[in-house]
N, C-alpha and C. Protein backbone atom coordinates (compact mmCIF):
# COMPACT_ATOMS: atom_id res chain seq x y z
N MET A 1 -61.69 -178.19 109.50
CA MET A 1 -60.84 -179.30 109.14
C MET A 1 -59.41 -178.84 108.94
N ALA A 2 -58.54 -179.67 109.29
CA ALA A 2 -57.16 -179.44 108.92
C ALA A 2 -57.00 -179.97 107.49
N LEU A 3 -55.88 -179.70 106.92
CA LEU A 3 -55.58 -180.20 105.59
C LEU A 3 -54.67 -181.41 105.72
N MET A 4 -54.53 -182.14 104.62
CA MET A 4 -53.64 -183.29 104.59
C MET A 4 -52.96 -183.35 103.23
N ILE A 5 -51.84 -184.03 103.18
CA ILE A 5 -51.13 -184.20 101.92
C ILE A 5 -51.24 -185.67 101.53
N THR A 6 -51.70 -185.91 100.32
CA THR A 6 -51.89 -187.29 99.86
C THR A 6 -50.60 -187.86 99.29
N ASP A 7 -50.63 -189.15 99.01
CA ASP A 7 -49.43 -189.80 98.49
C ASP A 7 -49.11 -189.44 97.04
N GLU A 8 -49.91 -188.57 96.44
CA GLU A 8 -49.57 -188.06 95.11
C GLU A 8 -48.48 -186.97 95.20
N CYS A 9 -48.14 -186.56 96.42
CA CYS A 9 -47.12 -185.53 96.63
C CYS A 9 -45.83 -185.90 95.90
N ILE A 10 -45.26 -184.90 95.21
CA ILE A 10 -44.01 -185.12 94.47
C ILE A 10 -42.81 -184.47 95.17
N ASN A 11 -43.00 -184.05 96.42
CA ASN A 11 -41.91 -183.44 97.19
C ASN A 11 -41.28 -182.26 96.47
N CYS A 12 -42.12 -181.40 95.92
CA CYS A 12 -41.60 -180.26 95.15
C CYS A 12 -41.12 -179.13 96.05
N ASP A 13 -41.40 -179.20 97.33
CA ASP A 13 -40.91 -178.23 98.32
C ASP A 13 -41.58 -176.86 98.29
N VAL A 14 -42.69 -176.68 97.57
CA VAL A 14 -43.28 -175.34 97.52
C VAL A 14 -44.27 -175.08 98.66
N CYS A 15 -44.86 -176.11 99.24
CA CYS A 15 -45.87 -175.89 100.27
C CYS A 15 -45.28 -175.51 101.63
N GLU A 16 -44.21 -176.14 102.01
CA GLU A 16 -43.65 -175.94 103.36
C GLU A 16 -43.38 -174.48 103.69
N PRO A 17 -42.68 -173.72 102.85
CA PRO A 17 -42.41 -172.33 103.21
C PRO A 17 -43.64 -171.43 103.17
N GLU A 18 -44.72 -171.87 102.54
CA GLU A 18 -45.93 -171.06 102.46
C GLU A 18 -46.79 -171.14 103.71
N CYS A 19 -46.58 -172.14 104.55
CA CYS A 19 -47.42 -172.35 105.73
C CYS A 19 -47.06 -171.35 106.83
N PRO A 20 -47.99 -170.48 107.19
CA PRO A 20 -47.68 -169.48 108.22
C PRO A 20 -47.60 -170.05 109.63
N ASN A 21 -48.07 -171.29 109.82
CA ASN A 21 -48.06 -171.91 111.14
C ASN A 21 -46.99 -172.97 111.30
N SER A 22 -46.15 -173.14 110.32
CA SER A 22 -45.11 -174.19 110.33
C SER A 22 -45.72 -175.57 110.58
N ALA A 23 -46.89 -175.82 109.99
CA ALA A 23 -47.58 -177.09 110.16
C ALA A 23 -47.10 -178.15 109.18
N ILE A 24 -46.38 -177.75 108.15
CA ILE A 24 -45.93 -178.69 107.12
C ILE A 24 -44.46 -179.02 107.33
N SER A 25 -44.17 -180.31 107.29
CA SER A 25 -42.78 -180.75 107.42
C SER A 25 -42.56 -181.99 106.56
N GLN A 26 -41.31 -182.27 106.30
CA GLN A 26 -40.96 -183.44 105.49
C GLN A 26 -41.15 -184.69 106.33
N GLY A 27 -41.94 -185.62 105.85
CA GLY A 27 -42.12 -186.91 106.52
C GLY A 27 -41.12 -187.91 105.98
N GLU A 28 -41.35 -189.18 106.25
CA GLU A 28 -40.43 -190.21 105.77
C GLU A 28 -40.39 -190.27 104.25
N GLU A 29 -41.55 -190.13 103.61
CA GLU A 29 -41.60 -190.23 102.16
C GLU A 29 -42.12 -188.97 101.47
N ILE A 30 -43.10 -188.32 102.08
CA ILE A 30 -43.70 -187.11 101.51
C ILE A 30 -43.88 -186.08 102.61
N TYR A 31 -44.27 -184.88 102.21
CA TYR A 31 -44.55 -183.86 103.20
C TYR A 31 -45.80 -184.24 103.99
N GLU A 32 -45.87 -183.76 105.22
CA GLU A 32 -46.99 -184.05 106.11
C GLU A 32 -47.47 -182.75 106.74
N ILE A 33 -48.75 -182.74 107.14
CA ILE A 33 -49.33 -181.58 107.82
C ILE A 33 -49.72 -181.99 109.23
N ASN A 34 -49.23 -181.25 110.21
CA ASN A 34 -49.58 -181.48 111.60
C ASN A 34 -50.95 -180.84 111.84
N PRO A 35 -51.99 -181.63 112.09
CA PRO A 35 -53.33 -181.06 112.28
C PRO A 35 -53.45 -180.16 113.51
N ASP A 36 -52.55 -180.32 114.47
CA ASP A 36 -52.58 -179.46 115.65
C ASP A 36 -52.11 -178.04 115.35
N LYS A 37 -51.41 -177.87 114.23
CA LYS A 37 -50.92 -176.55 113.84
C LYS A 37 -51.65 -175.97 112.63
N CYS A 38 -52.37 -176.82 111.90
CA CYS A 38 -53.04 -176.36 110.68
C CYS A 38 -54.34 -175.63 111.00
N THR A 39 -54.43 -174.40 110.55
CA THR A 39 -55.66 -173.61 110.72
C THR A 39 -56.31 -173.32 109.37
N GLU A 40 -55.86 -174.00 108.32
CA GLU A 40 -56.32 -173.73 106.96
C GLU A 40 -56.04 -172.27 106.60
N CYS A 41 -55.05 -171.69 107.24
CA CYS A 41 -54.62 -170.30 107.07
C CYS A 41 -55.62 -169.29 107.64
N VAL A 42 -56.63 -169.76 108.39
CA VAL A 42 -57.54 -168.85 109.07
C VAL A 42 -56.71 -167.98 110.01
N GLY A 43 -56.96 -166.69 109.97
CA GLY A 43 -56.19 -165.74 110.77
C GLY A 43 -55.02 -165.13 110.01
N HIS A 44 -54.63 -165.79 108.93
CA HIS A 44 -53.52 -165.29 108.11
C HIS A 44 -53.98 -164.88 106.71
N TYR A 45 -54.69 -165.77 106.04
CA TYR A 45 -55.09 -165.57 104.65
C TYR A 45 -56.54 -166.03 104.44
N ASP A 46 -57.10 -165.65 103.32
CA ASP A 46 -58.47 -166.06 102.98
C ASP A 46 -58.54 -167.50 102.49
N LYS A 47 -57.45 -168.00 101.92
CA LYS A 47 -57.41 -169.36 101.39
C LYS A 47 -56.15 -170.06 101.88
N PRO A 48 -56.20 -171.39 102.04
CA PRO A 48 -55.00 -172.13 102.43
C PRO A 48 -53.89 -171.94 101.39
N GLN A 49 -52.79 -171.42 101.84
CA GLN A 49 -51.69 -171.11 100.92
C GLN A 49 -51.04 -172.34 100.33
N CYS A 50 -51.00 -173.44 101.07
CA CYS A 50 -50.41 -174.66 100.51
C CYS A 50 -51.22 -175.16 99.33
N GLN A 51 -52.55 -175.08 99.43
CA GLN A 51 -53.41 -175.48 98.32
C GLN A 51 -53.19 -174.56 97.12
N GLU A 52 -52.98 -173.28 97.38
CA GLU A 52 -52.80 -172.31 96.31
C GLU A 52 -51.55 -172.59 95.49
N VAL A 53 -50.47 -173.06 96.13
CA VAL A 53 -49.20 -173.24 95.43
C VAL A 53 -48.95 -174.66 94.96
N CYS A 54 -49.70 -175.62 95.45
CA CYS A 54 -49.46 -177.03 95.08
C CYS A 54 -49.70 -177.25 93.59
N PRO A 55 -48.68 -177.70 92.86
CA PRO A 55 -48.84 -177.86 91.41
C PRO A 55 -49.67 -179.08 91.00
N ILE A 56 -49.89 -180.01 91.93
CA ILE A 56 -50.65 -181.21 91.54
C ILE A 56 -51.92 -181.41 92.36
N ASP A 57 -52.30 -180.42 93.13
CA ASP A 57 -53.55 -180.48 93.91
C ASP A 57 -53.66 -181.73 94.78
N CYS A 58 -52.65 -181.96 95.59
CA CYS A 58 -52.65 -183.14 96.46
C CYS A 58 -52.86 -182.78 97.93
N ILE A 59 -53.51 -181.61 98.19
CA ILE A 59 -53.72 -181.17 99.56
C ILE A 59 -55.21 -180.93 99.80
N PRO A 60 -55.95 -182.01 100.07
CA PRO A 60 -57.38 -181.87 100.35
C PRO A 60 -57.62 -181.62 101.84
N PHE A 61 -58.88 -181.37 102.17
CA PHE A 61 -59.27 -181.27 103.57
C PHE A 61 -59.23 -182.67 104.18
N ASN A 62 -58.80 -182.75 105.42
CA ASN A 62 -58.68 -184.03 106.12
C ASN A 62 -60.04 -184.37 106.74
N PRO A 63 -60.72 -185.40 106.24
CA PRO A 63 -62.05 -185.73 106.77
C PRO A 63 -62.02 -186.24 108.20
N ASP A 64 -60.85 -186.62 108.69
CA ASP A 64 -60.73 -187.12 110.07
C ASP A 64 -60.54 -185.99 111.09
N VAL A 65 -60.31 -184.77 110.61
CA VAL A 65 -60.09 -183.64 111.51
C VAL A 65 -61.06 -182.53 111.11
N ARG A 66 -62.25 -182.59 111.65
CA ARG A 66 -63.29 -181.62 111.32
C ARG A 66 -63.31 -180.50 112.34
N GLU A 67 -63.21 -179.25 111.85
CA GLU A 67 -63.22 -178.09 112.72
C GLU A 67 -64.03 -176.98 112.05
N THR A 68 -64.73 -176.21 112.87
CA THR A 68 -65.48 -175.06 112.35
C THR A 68 -64.53 -173.89 112.18
N HIS A 69 -65.01 -172.86 111.52
CA HIS A 69 -64.21 -171.64 111.35
C HIS A 69 -63.85 -171.06 112.72
N ASP A 70 -64.80 -171.09 113.66
CA ASP A 70 -64.53 -170.57 115.00
C ASP A 70 -63.45 -171.39 115.71
N GLN A 71 -63.48 -172.70 115.54
CA GLN A 71 -62.45 -173.55 116.14
C GLN A 71 -61.09 -173.28 115.52
N LEU A 72 -61.06 -173.08 114.20
CA LEU A 72 -59.80 -172.77 113.53
C LEU A 72 -59.26 -171.42 113.99
N MET A 73 -60.14 -170.45 114.19
CA MET A 73 -59.71 -169.14 114.67
C MET A 73 -59.17 -169.25 116.09
N ALA A 74 -59.81 -170.04 116.93
CA ALA A 74 -59.33 -170.24 118.30
C ALA A 74 -57.95 -170.91 118.29
N LYS A 75 -57.76 -171.87 117.39
CA LYS A 75 -56.45 -172.52 117.27
C LYS A 75 -55.41 -171.50 116.80
N TYR A 76 -55.75 -170.67 115.83
CA TYR A 76 -54.85 -169.63 115.36
C TYR A 76 -54.43 -168.72 116.52
N LEU A 77 -55.42 -168.29 117.31
CA LEU A 77 -55.12 -167.41 118.44
C LEU A 77 -54.21 -168.09 119.46
N ARG A 78 -54.41 -169.37 119.71
CA ARG A 78 -53.51 -170.11 120.62
C ARG A 78 -52.10 -170.17 120.04
N LEU A 79 -52.01 -170.44 118.74
CA LEU A 79 -50.70 -170.59 118.11
C LEU A 79 -49.90 -169.29 118.10
N VAL A 80 -50.59 -168.17 117.98
CA VAL A 80 -49.87 -166.88 117.96
C VAL A 80 -49.79 -166.27 119.35
N GLY A 81 -50.32 -166.96 120.34
CA GLY A 81 -50.20 -166.49 121.72
C GLY A 81 -51.20 -165.45 122.14
N SER A 82 -52.30 -165.33 121.41
CA SER A 82 -53.30 -164.32 121.74
C SER A 82 -54.58 -164.90 122.33
N GLY A 83 -54.64 -166.20 122.48
CA GLY A 83 -55.88 -166.81 122.97
C GLY A 83 -55.66 -167.55 124.26
N LYS A 84 -56.73 -167.85 124.92
CA LYS A 84 -56.66 -168.61 126.15
C LYS A 84 -56.79 -170.09 125.82
N LYS A 85 -56.09 -170.90 126.56
CA LYS A 85 -56.13 -172.35 126.32
C LYS A 85 -57.32 -172.97 126.98
């Protein structure tokens, strides 16, 4: 699964710089996560870094974007240029 940011987001700006895939960006009202870039930090860290730093725990798993660990690793490899499309 990719992650998502809920409307409880307070725009504190701590999650965006922590994302190793640049999947987080400022939306119209709150930060947003691009599911095409989110690997839940697979390939980079053991835990999603945005969840680790979020002061209000508003970054749950996105139930609409379900992916296995292998799929997340394949996405990571594509994003860093080491995998085949």
